[in-house]
Amino acid sequence: MRQSVFDYIDNLDTLLAVIVGALLATGGAMVAELVQDRLGRKRKEREAARFFGEILTSADRVLDRAFASLEIGEEWGPVSKRLFRTALDETAVYERNRERLFDIRDIPLRRAIHLHFLEETVPLVALVETWDDIDEIEKELTASDHLSESRRQYLEGELVKLRDGRSGALQTTKNKHAETEQIFTLLEPISGVSF
């Protein structure tokens, strides 16, 4: 007995149904993967924007207090120094998590955030390090009664230069600190929160 052509056509319908089902399942999985990937990238971008906004907020609040402490009590006292060191420690959190910056897709915003941290951190480091040098020279000047006159003049000259450098670093830090609001304005739409 011979099989008819119609028997093959019936089998082709089943084969065609299996192929179409496989294509639909594969296509559906690909679409689901693309949607999930997009949502995941959006979520990571939002979390990164919130993270950097929080670091900026935290560092800036400490800097606000540090600037205020210069106006209260001893201008360059130990409390002020601790506050500036704390602000520097807050910026170190950015440095440890800098790779999260790549979760933000807006390249000009990434550049602005990174430059802001650099331009705020570098003078802050200079301010703290110069402050340490000033403290050492002041200790040497007050502790040593047997300094030669030339050594004393040299140290006093260095002290003037270092104080000028510290004042310059303070002013640069204040200028960069004032630019933080611009970064917040760019981060808020991505993060979905106000800083």
C-alpha atoms as a PDB file:
ATOM      1  CA  MET A   1       0.000   0.000   0.000  1.00  0.00           C
ATOM      2  CA  ARG A   2       1.257   3.316  -1.021  1.00  0.00           C
ATOM      3  CA  GLN A   3       1.023   6.417   1.108  1.00  0.00           C
ATOM      4  CA  SER A   4      -0.759   9.250  -0.443  1.00  0.00           C
ATOM      5  CA  VAL A   5       0.556  12.779  -0.813  1.00  0.00           C
ATOM      6  CA  PHE A   6      -2.125  13.954   1.581  1.00  0.00           C
ATOM      7  CA  ASP A   7      -0.530  11.951   4.418  1.00  0.00           C
ATOM      8  CA  TYR A   8       2.666  13.949   3.992  1.00  0.00           C
ATOM      9  CA  ILE A   9       0.782  17.219   3.974  1.00  0.00           C
ATOM     10  CA  ASP A  10      -0.861  16.304   7.257  1.00  0.00           C
ATOM     11  CA  ASN A  11       2.590  15.660   8.727  1.00  0.00           C
ATOM     12  CA  LEU A  12       3.868  18.929   7.274  1.00  0.00           C
ATOM     13  CA  ASP A  13       1.135  20.809   9.121  1.00  0.00           C
ATOM     14  CA  THR A  14       2.392  19.367  12.378  1.00  0.00           C
ATOM     15  CA  LEU A  15       5.994  20.164  11.462  1.00  0.00           C
ATOM     16  CA  LEU A  16       5.036  23.674  10.434  1.00  0.00           C
ATOM     17  CA  ALA A  17       3.167  24.160  13.727  1.00  0.00           C
ATOM     18  CA  VAL A  18       6.233  23.028  15.685  1.00  0.00           C
ATOM     19  CA  ILE A  19       8.526  25.363  13.726  1.00  0.00           C
ATOM     20  CA  VAL A  20       6.170  28.337  14.107  1.00  0.00           C
ATOM     21  CA  GLY A  21       5.798  27.585  17.833  1.00  0.00           C
ATOM     22  CA  ALA A  22       9.577  27.420  18.264  1.00  0.00           C
ATOM     23  CA  LEU A  23      10.037  30.700  16.405  1.00  0.00           C
ATOM     24  CA  LEU A  24       7.361  32.408  18.499  1.00  0.00           C
ATOM     25  CA  ALA A  25       8.862  31.075  21.735  1.00  0.00           C
ATOM     26  CA  THR A  26      12.357  32.200  20.729  1.00  0.00           C
ATOM     27  CA  GLY A  27      11.099  35.594  19.593  1.00  0.00           C
ATOM     28  CA  GLY A  28       9.086  36.041  22.778  1.00  0.00           C
ATOM     29  CA  ALA A  29      12.103  35.134  24.906  1.00  0.00           C
ATOM     30  CA  MET A  30      14.282  37.583  22.994  1.00  0.00           C
ATOM     31  CA  VAL A  31      11.734  40.389  23.407  1.00  0.00           C
ATOM     32  CA  ALA A  32      11.372  39.582  27.108  1.00  0.00           C
ATOM     33  CA  GLU A  33      15.170  39.609  27.481  1.00  0.00           C
ATOM     34  CA  LEU A  34      15.449  42.958  25.700  1.00  0.00           C
ATOM     35  CA  VAL A  35      12.711  44.494  27.845  1.00  0.00           C
ATOM     36  CA  GLN A  36      14.259  43.119  31.021  1.00  0.00           C
ATOM     37  CA  ASP A  37      17.713  44.345  29.972  1.00  0.00           C
ATOM     38  CA  ARG A  38      16.386  47.831  29.275  1.00  0.00           C
ATOM     39  CA  LEU A  39      14.553  47.960  32.592  1.00  0.00           C
ATOM     40  CA  GLY A  40      17.669  46.694  34.354  1.00  0.00           C
ATOM     41  CA  ARG A  41      19.818  49.392  32.753  1.00  0.00           C
ATOM     42  CA  LYS A  42      17.292  52.066  33.725  1.00  0.00           C
ATOM     43  CA  ARG A  43      17.243  50.779  37.303  1.00  0.00           C
ATOM     44  CA  LYS A  44      21.065  50.723  37.491  1.00  0.00           C
ATOM     45  CA  GLU A  45      21.227  54.235  36.051  1.00  0.00           C
ATOM     46  CA  ARG A  46      18.673  55.501  38.588  1.00  0.00           C
ATOM     47  CA  GLU A  47      20.557  53.841  41.467  1.00  0.00           C
ATOM     48  CA  ALA A  48      23.892  55.252  40.282  1.00  0.00           C
ATOM     49  CA  ALA A  49      22.404  58.756  39.992  1.00  0.00           C
ATOM     50  CA  ARG A  50      21.009  58.469  43.516  1.00  0.00           C
ATOM     51  CA  PHE A  51      24.321  57.139  44.814  1.00  0.00           C
ATOM     52  CA  PHE A  52      26.391  59.991  43.378  1.00  0.00           C
ATOM     53  CA  GLY A  53      23.773  62.527  44.432  1.00  0.00           C
ATOM     54  CA  GLU A  54      23.946  61.209  47.989  1.00  0.00           C
ATOM     55  CA  ILE A  55      27.751  61.339  48.041  1.00  0.00           C
ATOM     56  CA  LEU A  56      27.710  64.901  46.740  1.00  0.00           C
ATOM     57  CA  THR A  57      25.053  65.847  49.285  1.00  0.00           C
ATOM     58  CA  SER A  58      26.970  64.279  52.146  1.00  0.00           C
ATOM     59  CA  ALA A  59      30.305  65.854  51.197  1.00  0.00           C
ATOM     60  CA  ASP A  60      28.691  69.231  50.627  1.00  0.00           C
ATOM     61  CA  ARG A  61      26.898  69.237  53.982  1.00  0.00           C
ATOM     62  CA  VAL A  62      30.183  68.518  55.732  1.00  0.00           C
ATOM     63  CA  LEU A  63      31.872  71.266  53.711  1.00  0.00           C
ATOM     64  CA  ASP A  64      29.090  73.683  54.683  1.00  0.00           C
ATOM     65  CA  ARG A  65      29.836  72.967  58.329  1.00  0.00           C
ATOM     66  CA  ALA A  66      33.583  73.231  57.741  1.00  0.00           C
ATOM     67  CA  PHE A  67      33.211  76.634  56.083  1.00  0.00           C
ATOM     68  CA  ALA A  68      30.972  77.763  58.953  1.00  0.00           C
ATOM     69  CA  SER A  69      33.475  76.516  61.542  1.00  0.00           C
ATOM     70  CA  LEU A  70      36.083  78.903  60.133  1.00  0.00           C
ATOM     71  CA  GLU A  71      33.822  81.777  61.184  1.00  0.00           C
ATOM     72  CA  ILE A  72      33.257  80.453  64.717  1.00  0.00           C
ATOM     73  CA  GLY A  73      35.966  80.308  67.357  1.00  0.00           C
ATOM     74  CA  GLU A  74      39.547  79.724  66.255  1.00  0.00           C
ATOM     75  CA  GLU A  75      39.615  80.247  62.497  1.00  0.00           C
ATOM     76  CA  TRP A  76      41.998  77.424  61.645  1.00  0.00           C
ATOM     77  CA  GLY A  77      41.347  75.337  64.736  1.00  0.00           C
ATOM     78  CA  PRO A  78      41.248  71.566  65.200  1.00  0.00           C
ATOM     79  CA  VAL A  79      37.468  71.292  64.731  1.00  0.00           C
ATOM     80  CA  SER A  80      37.683  72.936  61.320  1.00  0.00           C
ATOM     81  CA  LYS A  81      40.553  70.673  60.360  1.00  0.00           C
ATOM     82  CA  ARG A  82      38.576  67.565  61.353  1.00  0.00           C
ATOM     83  CA  LEU A  83      35.585  68.736  59.337  1.00  0.00           C
ATOM     84  CA  PHE A  84      37.704  69.262  56.225  1.00  0.00           C
ATOM     85  CA  ARG A  85      39.249  65.810  56.702  1.00  0.00           C
ATOM     86  CA  THR A  86      35.764  64.320  57.047  1.00  0.00           C
ATOM     87  CA  ALA A  87      34.706  65.987  53.785  1.00  0.00           C
ATOM     88  CA  LEU A  88      37.801  64.500  52.166  1.00  0.00           C
ATOM     89  CA  ASP A  89      36.841  61.071  53.521  1.00  0.00           C
ATOM     90  CA  GLU A  90      33.392  61.471  51.969  1.00  0.00           C
ATOM     91  CA  THR A  91      34.944  62.131  48.575  1.00  0.00           C
ATOM     92  CA  ALA A  92      36.987  58.944  49.009  1.00  0.00           C
ATOM     93  CA  VAL A  93      33.687  57.028  48.848  1.00  0.00           C
ATOM     94  CA  TYR A  94      33.314  58.350  45.301  1.00  0.00           C
ATOM     95  CA  GLU A  95      36.802  57.165  44.419  1.00  0.00           C
ATOM     96  CA  ARG A  96      36.085  53.641  45.662  1.00  0.00           C
ATOM     97  CA  ASN A  97      32.849  53.466  43.631  1.00  0.00           C
ATOM     98  CA  ARG A  98      33.827  55.402  40.538  1.00  0.00           C
ATOM     99  CA  GLU A  99      33.108  52.479  38.184  1.00  0.00           C
ATOM    100  CA  ARG A 100      29.391  52.901  38.967  1.00  0.00           C
ATOM    101  CA  LEU A 101      29.613  56.143  37.033  1.00  0.00           C
ATOM    102  CA  PHE A 102      29.430  54.091  33.827  1.00  0.00           C
ATOM    103  CA  ASP A 103      25.871  53.065  34.728  1.00  0.00           C
ATOM    104  CA  ILE A 104      24.853  56.638  33.855  1.00  0.00           C
ATOM    105  CA  ARG A 105      24.362  56.696  30.094  1.00  0.00           C
ATOM    106  CA  ASP A 106      24.590  60.488  29.702  1.00  0.00           C
ATOM    107  CA  ILE A 107      28.267  60.986  28.814  1.00  0.00           C
ATOM    108  CA  PRO A 108      28.375  64.782  29.432  1.00  0.00           C
ATOM    109  CA  LEU A 109      26.791  64.196  32.864  1.00  0.00           C
ATOM    110  CA  ARG A 110      29.342  61.480  33.695  1.00  0.00           C
ATOM    111  CA  ARG A 111      32.127  63.849  32.692  1.00  0.00           C
ATOM    112  CA  ALA A 112      30.609  66.684  34.761  1.00  0.00           C
ATOM    113  CA  ILE A 113      30.313  64.491  37.861  1.00  0.00           C
ATOM    114  CA  HIS A 114      33.854  63.175  37.558  1.00  0.00           C
ATOM    115  CA  LEU A 115      35.371  66.596  36.906  1.00  0.00           C
ATOM    116  CA  HIS A 116      33.404  68.074  39.785  1.00  0.00           C
ATOM    117  CA  PHE A 117      34.751  65.477  42.201  1.00  0.00           C
ATOM    118  CA  LEU A 118      38.293  65.984  40.936  1.00  0.00           C
ATOM    119  CA  GLU A 119      38.091  69.762  41.006  1.00  0.00           C
ATOM    120  CA  GLU A 120      36.612  69.734  44.503  1.00  0.00           C
ATOM    121  CA  THR A 121      38.872  67.026  45.910  1.00  0.00           C
ATOM    122  CA  VAL A 122      42.261  68.237  44.662  1.00  0.00           C
ATOM    123  CA  PRO A 123      42.121  71.645  46.409  1.00  0.00           C
ATOM    124  CA  LEU A 124      40.629  69.946  49.472  1.00  0.00           C
ATOM    125  CA  VAL A 125      43.623  67.590  49.628  1.00  0.00           C
ATOM    126  CA  ALA A 126      45.961  70.562  49.154  1.00  0.00           C
ATOM    127  CA  LEU A 127      44.178  72.453  51.933  1.00  0.00           C
ATOM    128  CA  VAL A 128      44.501  69.587  54.422  1.00  0.00           C
ATOM    129  CA  GLU A 129      48.107  68.751  53.505  1.00  0.00           C
ATOM    130  CA  THR A 130      49.161  72.404  53.622  1.00  0.00           C
ATOM    131  CA  TRP A 131      47.442  72.713  56.979  1.00  0.00           C
ATOM    132  CA  ASP A 132      49.547  69.810  58.284  1.00  0.00           C
ATOM    133  CA  ASP A 133      52.717  71.499  57.020  1.00  0.00           C
ATOM    134  CA  ILE A 134      51.700  74.775  58.678  1.00  0.00           C
ATOM    135  CA  ASP A 135      51.105  72.973  61.985  1.00  0.00           C
ATOM    136  CA  GLU A 136      54.559  71.365  61.816  1.00  0.00           C
ATOM    137  CA  ILE A 137      56.304  74.675  61.101  1.00  0.00           C
ATOM    138  CA  GLU A 138      54.373  76.443  63.861  1.00  0.00           C
ATOM    139  CA  LYS A 139      55.351  73.696  66.317  1.00  0.00           C
ATOM    140  CA  GLU A 140      58.993  73.955  65.288  1.00  0.00           C
ATOM    141  CA  LEU A 141      58.933  77.749  65.673  1.00  0.00           C
ATOM    142  CA  THR A 142      57.349  77.663  69.135  1.00  0.00           C
ATOM    143  CA  ALA A 143      59.163  74.601  70.480  1.00  0.00           C
ATOM    144  CA  SER A 144      62.713  75.503  69.503  1.00  0.00           C
ATOM    145  CA  ASP A 145      64.392  78.287  71.415  1.00  0.00           C
ATOM    146  CA  HIS A 146      67.743  77.553  69.831  1.00  0.00           C
ATOM    147  CA  LEU A 147      66.834  78.108  66.163  1.00  0.00           C
ATOM    148  CA  SER A 148      69.335  80.133  64.198  1.00  0.00           C
ATOM    149  CA  GLU A 149      68.077  83.447  62.879  1.00  0.00           C
ATOM    150  CA  SER A 150      68.414  82.299  59.256  1.00  0.00           C
ATOM    151  CA  ARG A 151      66.438  79.099  59.987  1.00  0.00           C
ATOM    152  CA  ARG A 152      63.739  81.109  61.776  1.00  0.00           C
ATOM    153  CA  GLN A 153      63.458  83.535  58.844  1.00  0.00           C
ATOM    154  CA  TYR A 154      63.280  80.662  56.407  1.00  0.00           C
ATOM    155  CA  LEU A 155      60.498  78.947  58.388  1.00  0.00           C
ATOM    156  CA  GLU A 156      58.549  82.200  58.742  1.00  0.00           C
ATOM    157  CA  GLY A 157      58.826  82.763  54.979  1.00  0.00           C
ATOM    158  CA  GLU A 158      57.603  79.212  54.320  1.00  0.00           C
ATOM    159  CA  LEU A 159      54.772  79.774  56.766  1.00  0.00           C
ATOM    160  CA  VAL A 160      53.579  82.838  54.827  1.00  0.00           C
ATOM    161  CA  LYS A 161      53.680  80.898  51.531  1.00  0.00           C
ATOM    162  CA  LEU A 162      51.838  77.914  53.018  1.00  0.00           C
ATOM    163  CA  ARG A 163      49.147  80.124  54.568  1.00  0.00           C
ATOM    164  CA  ASP A 164      48.629  81.809  51.190  1.00  0.00           C
ATOM    165  CA  GLY A 165      48.409  78.382  49.564  1.00  0.00           C
ATOM    166  CA  ARG A 166      45.896  77.193  52.152  1.00  0.00           C
ATOM    167  CA  SER A 167      43.763  80.301  51.592  1.00  0.00           C
ATOM    168  CA  GLY A 168      43.894  79.735  47.833  1.00  0.00           C
ATOM    169  CA  ALA A 169      42.915  76.082  48.246  1.00  0.00           C
ATOM    170  CA  LEU A 170      40.045  77.136  50.507  1.00  0.00           C
ATOM    171  CA  GLN A 171      38.768  79.635  47.953  1.00  0.00           C
ATOM    172  CA  THR A 172      38.995  77.082  45.126  1.00  0.00           C
ATOM    173  CA  THR A 173      37.123  74.534  47.249  1.00  0.00           C
ATOM    174  CA  LYS A 174      34.411  77.101  47.965  1.00  0.00           C
ATOM    175  CA  ASN A 175      34.106  77.936  44.252  1.00  0.00           C
ATOM    176  CA  LYS A 176      33.741  74.274  43.267  1.00  0.00           C
ATOM    177  CA  HIS A 177      31.377  73.672  46.162  1.00  0.00           C
ATOM    178  CA  ALA A 178      29.089  76.378  44.778  1.00  0.00           C
ATOM    179  CA  GLU A 179      28.831  74.489  41.462  1.00  0.00           C
ATOM    180  CA  THR A 180      27.319  71.380  43.063  1.00  0.00           C
ATOM    181  CA  GLU A 181      23.752  72.610  42.542  1.00  0.00           C
ATOM    182  CA  GLN A 182      24.268  72.365  38.774  1.00  0.00           C
ATOM    183  CA  ILE A 183      25.174  68.688  39.127  1.00  0.00           C
ATOM    184  CA  PHE A 184      22.095  68.109  41.302  1.00  0.00           C
ATOM    185  CA  THR A 185      19.917  69.702  38.622  1.00  0.00           C
ATOM    186  CA  LEU A 186      21.227  67.188  36.084  1.00  0.00           C
ATOM    187  CA  LEU A 187      21.015  64.172  38.426  1.00  0.00           C
ATOM    188  CA  GLU A 188      17.500  64.724  39.751  1.00  0.00           C
ATOM    189  CA  PRO A 189      15.572  63.765  36.567  1.00  0.00           C
ATOM    190  CA  ILE A 190      17.532  60.510  36.299  1.00  0.00           C
ATOM    191  CA  SER A 191      17.409  59.621  39.998  1.00  0.00           C
ATOM    192  CA  GLY A 192      13.787  60.563  40.528  1.00  0.00           C
ATOM    193  CA  VAL A 193      14.583  62.320  43.835  1.00  0.00           C
ATOM    194  CA  SER A 194      15.550  65.821  44.947  1.00  0.00           C
ATOM    195  CA  PHE A 195      18.910  66.391  46.590  1.00  0.00           C
END
